[in-house]
Amino acid sequence: MRFTFHFRLVPFIATVLLVALGIALGNWQERRAAQKMAIYQRLAERFPQAPIVLGPAPMPAAPMEFRRVTVTGQFDTAWPIFLENKTYQGRPGSYLVMPFKIADSQMYVLVARGWLPGDPARYDKVPDYPTPTGTVTIEGRVAGSLGRALQLGKPPVLRPNAFVQNLEPAAFAQASGLRLQPFFVEQTGPKLEGEPFVRDWPAPAMGIEKHQGYAFQWYALAAMAFLFFVITGFRSGTKHDG
């Protein structure tokens, strides 16, 4: 039997578009997986290192990310912020974020003290929590971000006890007038008596396998589109010859 390929312009254009789309989206998912793998590697490299004593000198965020730190000073109870829509073991809640004044300076750093459960009846009800008074030393892990959620509508004005979906040190500094380090400290270490916080901070590089799986699906779509074009072209050509 003689096999003849019947070229058709419209299916060819559709196939080129599908193959290009599949390869482009597959490559994008591969890049996302590589980015998250790089984050995981930085975490694995930096977190075991000895803690850095965080002082009043401004520190760049990128080299500090995932480093363990200790910092001495006191919490500023005038500016608590609640980062909402944070779940823990299926329960809704929020992260309590407070500025921490570094000892013997006018420099502050934003400390994520931990997760607090929400009130099912009133999502914006400020939960009860204790705050140590006076000078204390806390431990933590530096984080460039506490996660980014899709913002629906106009974000609320930053004010004390506000519930927000996203928070950045620069925006907090502008609203509060405080001089801030350009990162967060996720507090770790032992809890004080009566503290209700959960400090089981999520790993920052989850979902690598998900991106790799999506990349495989997009590459498979491109391959299937190409094979479909080739097979149907030969079938059509053979019928025409027949």
Protein backbone atom coordinates (compact mmCIF):
# COMPACT_ATOMS: atom_id res chain seq x y z
CA MET A 1 0.00 0.00 0.00
CA ARG A 2 1.27 3.42 -0.93
CA PHE A 3 1.08 6.08 1.78
CA THR A 4 0.59 9.66 0.65
CA PHE A 5 0.45 12.70 2.91
CA HIS A 6 -2.34 15.18 2.19
CA PHE A 7 -1.33 18.65 3.34
CA ARG A 8 -4.13 20.95 4.50
CA LEU A 9 -3.38 24.55 5.43
CA VAL A 10 -5.99 25.19 8.16
CA PRO A 11 -5.20 22.05 10.20
CA PHE A 12 -1.49 22.83 9.76
CA ILE A 13 -1.92 26.32 11.22
CA ALA A 14 -4.02 24.96 14.09
CA THR A 15 -1.37 22.32 14.80
CA VAL A 16 1.46 24.86 14.81
CA LEU A 17 -0.46 27.03 17.26
CA LEU A 18 -1.25 24.10 19.57
CA VAL A 19 2.33 22.81 19.50
CA ALA A 20 3.73 26.29 20.16
CA LEU A 21 1.26 26.82 23.01
CA GLY A 22 2.02 23.44 24.57
CA ILE A 23 5.77 23.94 24.42
CA ALA A 24 5.55 27.51 25.73
CA LEU A 25 3.36 26.57 28.68
CA GLY A 26 5.44 23.47 29.39
CA ASN A 27 8.60 25.59 29.45
CA TRP A 28 6.90 28.08 31.78
CA GLN A 29 5.98 25.31 34.21
CA GLU A 30 9.55 23.98 34.04
CA ARG A 31 10.87 27.45 34.90
CA ARG A 32 8.46 27.67 37.86
CA ALA A 33 9.68 24.28 39.08
CA ALA A 34 13.31 25.41 38.71
CA GLN A 35 12.59 28.62 40.63
CA LYS A 36 11.02 26.71 43.50
CA MET A 37 13.87 24.20 43.49
CA ALA A 38 16.32 27.11 43.79
CA ILE A 39 14.33 28.46 46.74
CA TYR A 40 14.39 25.05 48.39
CA GLN A 41 18.14 24.79 47.88
CA ARG A 42 18.70 28.22 49.45
CA LEU A 43 16.60 27.20 52.41
CA ALA A 44 18.49 23.92 52.82
CA GLU A 45 21.81 25.77 52.61
CA ARG A 46 21.08 28.77 54.82
CA PHE A 47 18.75 27.54 57.56
CA PRO A 48 21.28 25.17 59.22
CA GLN A 49 23.85 27.96 59.52
CA ALA A 50 24.48 29.63 62.86
CA PRO A 51 21.98 32.38 63.72
CA ILE A 52 22.84 35.98 62.87
CA VAL A 53 22.34 38.64 65.52
CA LEU A 54 20.08 41.18 63.85
CA GLY A 55 21.12 44.73 64.69
CA PRO A 56 20.01 48.23 63.72
CA ALA A 57 22.04 48.42 60.50
CA PRO A 58 19.84 48.00 57.39
CA MET A 59 20.24 44.57 55.83
CA PRO A 60 19.32 43.60 52.24
CA ALA A 61 16.51 41.08 52.04
CA ALA A 62 17.88 38.63 49.44
CA PRO A 63 21.09 37.51 51.22
CA MET A 64 19.21 37.24 54.52
CA GLU A 65 16.28 35.15 53.30
CA PHE A 66 15.92 31.84 55.20
CA ARG A 67 18.74 32.72 57.61
CA ARG A 68 18.09 32.12 61.27
CA VAL A 69 18.37 35.26 63.37
CA THR A 70 18.13 36.42 66.95
CA VAL A 71 17.07 39.95 67.75
CA THR A 72 16.79 41.83 71.03
CA GLY A 73 14.33 44.63 71.62
CA GLN A 74 10.64 45.06 72.37
CA PHE A 75 7.34 44.63 70.60
CA ASP A 76 5.44 47.74 69.52
CA THR A 77 1.89 46.95 70.62
CA ALA A 78 0.46 50.01 68.83
CA TRP A 79 0.64 48.46 65.31
CA PRO A 80 -0.57 44.84 65.18
CA ILE A 81 -1.69 43.63 61.74
CA PHE A 82 -3.55 40.41 60.92
CA LEU A 83 -2.69 38.66 57.66
CA GLU A 84 -5.94 36.84 56.95
CA ASN A 85 -6.98 33.76 54.94
CA LYS A 86 -4.27 31.58 56.46
CA THR A 87 -5.37 28.03 57.15
CA TYR A 88 -3.79 25.52 59.51
CA GLN A 89 -4.91 21.88 59.38
CA GLY A 90 -8.07 22.98 57.59
CA ARG A 91 -8.97 25.69 60.11
CA PRO A 92 -9.23 29.34 59.02
CA GLY A 93 -7.15 31.94 60.78
CA SER A 94 -4.56 34.66 60.39
CA TYR A 95 -0.94 35.50 61.06
CA LEU A 96 -0.28 38.14 63.68
CA VAL A 97 2.40 40.54 62.47
CA MET A 98 3.87 43.15 64.82
CA PRO A 99 6.74 45.62 64.57
CA PHE A 100 9.66 44.87 66.86
CA LYS A 101 11.94 47.73 67.90
CA ILE A 102 15.56 46.65 67.82
CA ALA A 103 17.38 47.53 71.05
CA ASP A 104 19.25 50.84 71.26
CA SER A 105 17.99 52.05 67.89
CA GLN A 106 15.08 53.46 65.92
CA MET A 107 15.12 50.49 63.56
CA TYR A 108 12.22 48.03 63.54
CA VAL A 109 11.62 44.65 61.96
CA LEU A 110 8.24 43.06 61.25
CA VAL A 111 7.82 39.86 63.27
CA ALA A 112 5.25 37.24 62.29
CA ARG A 113 4.46 35.93 65.77
CA GLY A 114 2.42 32.96 64.59
CA TRP A 115 -0.96 31.67 63.43
CA LEU A 116 -4.15 32.41 65.37
CA PRO A 117 -7.54 30.71 64.80
CA GLY A 118 -10.33 32.87 63.44
CA ASP A 119 -13.81 33.40 64.85
CA PRO A 120 -16.36 31.53 62.65
CA ALA A 121 -19.02 34.14 63.45
CA ARG A 122 -16.86 37.23 62.82
CA TYR A 123 -13.83 36.87 60.59
CA ASP A 124 -12.59 40.37 61.53
CA LYS A 125 -12.82 39.91 65.30
CA VAL A 126 -9.44 40.61 66.87
CA PRO A 127 -8.36 37.47 68.73
CA ASP A 128 -6.92 37.59 72.23
CA TYR A 129 -3.17 37.17 72.54
CA PRO A 130 -0.51 38.13 75.08
CA THR A 131 2.53 40.26 74.24
CA PRO A 132 5.69 40.22 76.36
CA THR A 133 6.58 43.57 77.85
CA GLY A 134 10.01 45.07 78.19
CA THR A 135 13.16 43.93 76.45
CA VAL A 136 13.14 40.37 75.10
CA THR A 137 15.26 38.30 72.73
CA ILE A 138 13.44 36.33 70.08
CA GLU A 139 14.50 33.76 67.50
CA GLY A 140 13.24 33.43 63.98
CA ARG A 141 13.73 32.79 60.30
CA VAL A 142 13.99 35.61 57.78
CA ALA A 143 11.28 35.63 55.10
CA GLY A 144 11.11 37.97 52.14
CA SER A 145 7.34 37.45 51.95
CA LEU A 146 4.55 35.83 53.96
CA GLY A 147 2.81 34.69 50.79
CA ARG A 148 0.77 36.56 48.24
CA ALA A 149 -2.97 36.11 47.78
CA LEU A 150 -5.19 37.28 44.95
CA GLN A 151 -6.46 40.68 46.04
CA LEU A 152 -10.21 41.05 45.45
CA GLY A 153 -11.18 44.70 45.28
CA LYS A 154 -9.28 47.60 46.73
CA PRO A 155 -6.98 46.65 49.62
CA PRO A 156 -7.96 48.10 53.00
CA VAL A 157 -6.06 51.01 54.45
CA LEU A 158 -3.25 49.85 56.70
CA ARG A 159 -4.05 50.76 60.28
CA PRO A 160 -3.58 49.11 63.68
CA ASN A 161 -5.55 45.84 64.02
CA ALA A 162 -6.37 45.79 60.30
CA PHE A 163 -7.12 42.48 58.55
CA VAL A 164 -5.32 42.38 55.21
CA GLN A 165 -4.75 39.78 52.49
CA ASN A 166 -1.23 40.91 51.60
CA LEU A 167 1.46 42.80 53.47
CA GLU A 168 4.81 44.25 52.42
CA PRO A 169 7.37 45.94 54.69
CA ALA A 170 7.55 49.02 52.44
CA ALA A 171 3.78 49.60 52.64
CA PHE A 172 3.81 49.07 56.39
CA ALA A 173 6.68 51.53 56.81
CA GLN A 174 4.82 54.16 54.81
CA ALA A 175 1.60 53.72 56.79
CA SER A 176 3.20 53.57 60.24
CA GLY A 177 6.10 55.98 59.76
CA LEU A 178 8.47 53.40 61.27
CA ARG A 179 11.95 52.66 59.94
CA LEU A 180 11.91 48.99 58.93
CA GLN A 181 14.20 46.22 57.79
CA PRO A 182 13.00 45.12 54.30
CA PHE A 183 11.91 41.63 55.38
CA PHE A 184 9.91 39.67 57.94
CA VAL A 185 11.08 37.46 60.78
CA GLU A 186 8.96 34.33 61.25
CA GLN A 187 9.26 33.79 64.98
CA THR A 188 10.40 30.37 66.16
CA GLY A 189 11.74 29.12 69.46
CA PRO A 190 9.85 28.26 72.63
CA LYS A 191 6.50 29.89 73.31
CA LEU A 192 5.87 31.87 76.46
CA GLU A 193 3.29 30.57 78.91
CA GLY A 194 -0.20 31.27 77.64
CA GLU A 195 0.80 32.10 74.07
CA PRO A 196 -1.82 30.63 71.68
CA PHE A 197 0.28 30.90 68.53
CA VAL A 198 1.01 28.08 66.11
CA ARG A 199 4.49 28.52 64.63
CA ASP A 200 4.47 25.68 62.16
CA TRP A 201 5.61 27.85 59.26
CA PRO A 202 4.95 26.35 55.81
CA ALA A 203 7.88 25.40 53.62
CA PRO A 204 8.38 28.06 50.91
CA ALA A 205 9.09 25.66 48.04
CA MET A 206 6.10 23.35 47.96
CA GLY A 207 4.57 22.18 44.69
CA ILE A 208 7.68 21.40 42.63
CA GLU A 209 6.19 18.08 41.53
CA LYS A 210 2.94 19.82 40.60
CA HIS A 211 4.72 22.15 38.17
CA GLN A 212 6.66 19.23 36.69
CA GLY A 213 3.41 17.33 36.20
CA TYR A 214 1.79 20.29 34.48
CA ALA A 215 4.83 20.67 32.23
CA PHE A 216 4.53 17.01 31.17
CA GLN A 217 0.84 17.51 30.36
CA TRP A 218 1.53 20.55 28.17
CA TYR A 219 4.38 18.78 26.35
CA ALA A 220 2.09 15.77 25.84
CA LEU A 221 -0.58 18.04 24.36
CA ALA A 222 1.96 19.43 21.87
CA ALA A 223 3.09 15.93 20.92
CA MET A 224 -0.49 14.69 20.50
CA ALA A 225 -1.41 17.66 18.30
CA PHE A 226 1.58 16.99 16.06
CA LEU A 227 0.88 13.25 15.83
CA PHE A 228 -2.81 13.87 15.12
CA PHE A 229 -1.91 16.19 12.25
CA VAL A 230 0.55 13.69 10.77
CA ILE A 231 -1.75 10.65 11.13
CA THR A 232 -4.84 12.37 9.73
CA GLY A 233 -2.75 13.79 6.87
CA PHE A 234 -1.58 10.31 5.84
CA ARG A 235 -5.08 8.87 6.20
CA SER A 236 -6.55 11.63 4.06
CA GLY A 237 -3.81 11.24 1.46
CA THR A 238 -4.29 7.48 1.26
CA LYS A 239 -8.04 7.87 0.78
CA HIS A 240 -7.48 10.40 -1.99
CA ASP A 241 -5.10 8.00 -3.76
CA GLY A 242 -7.56 5.21 -3.36
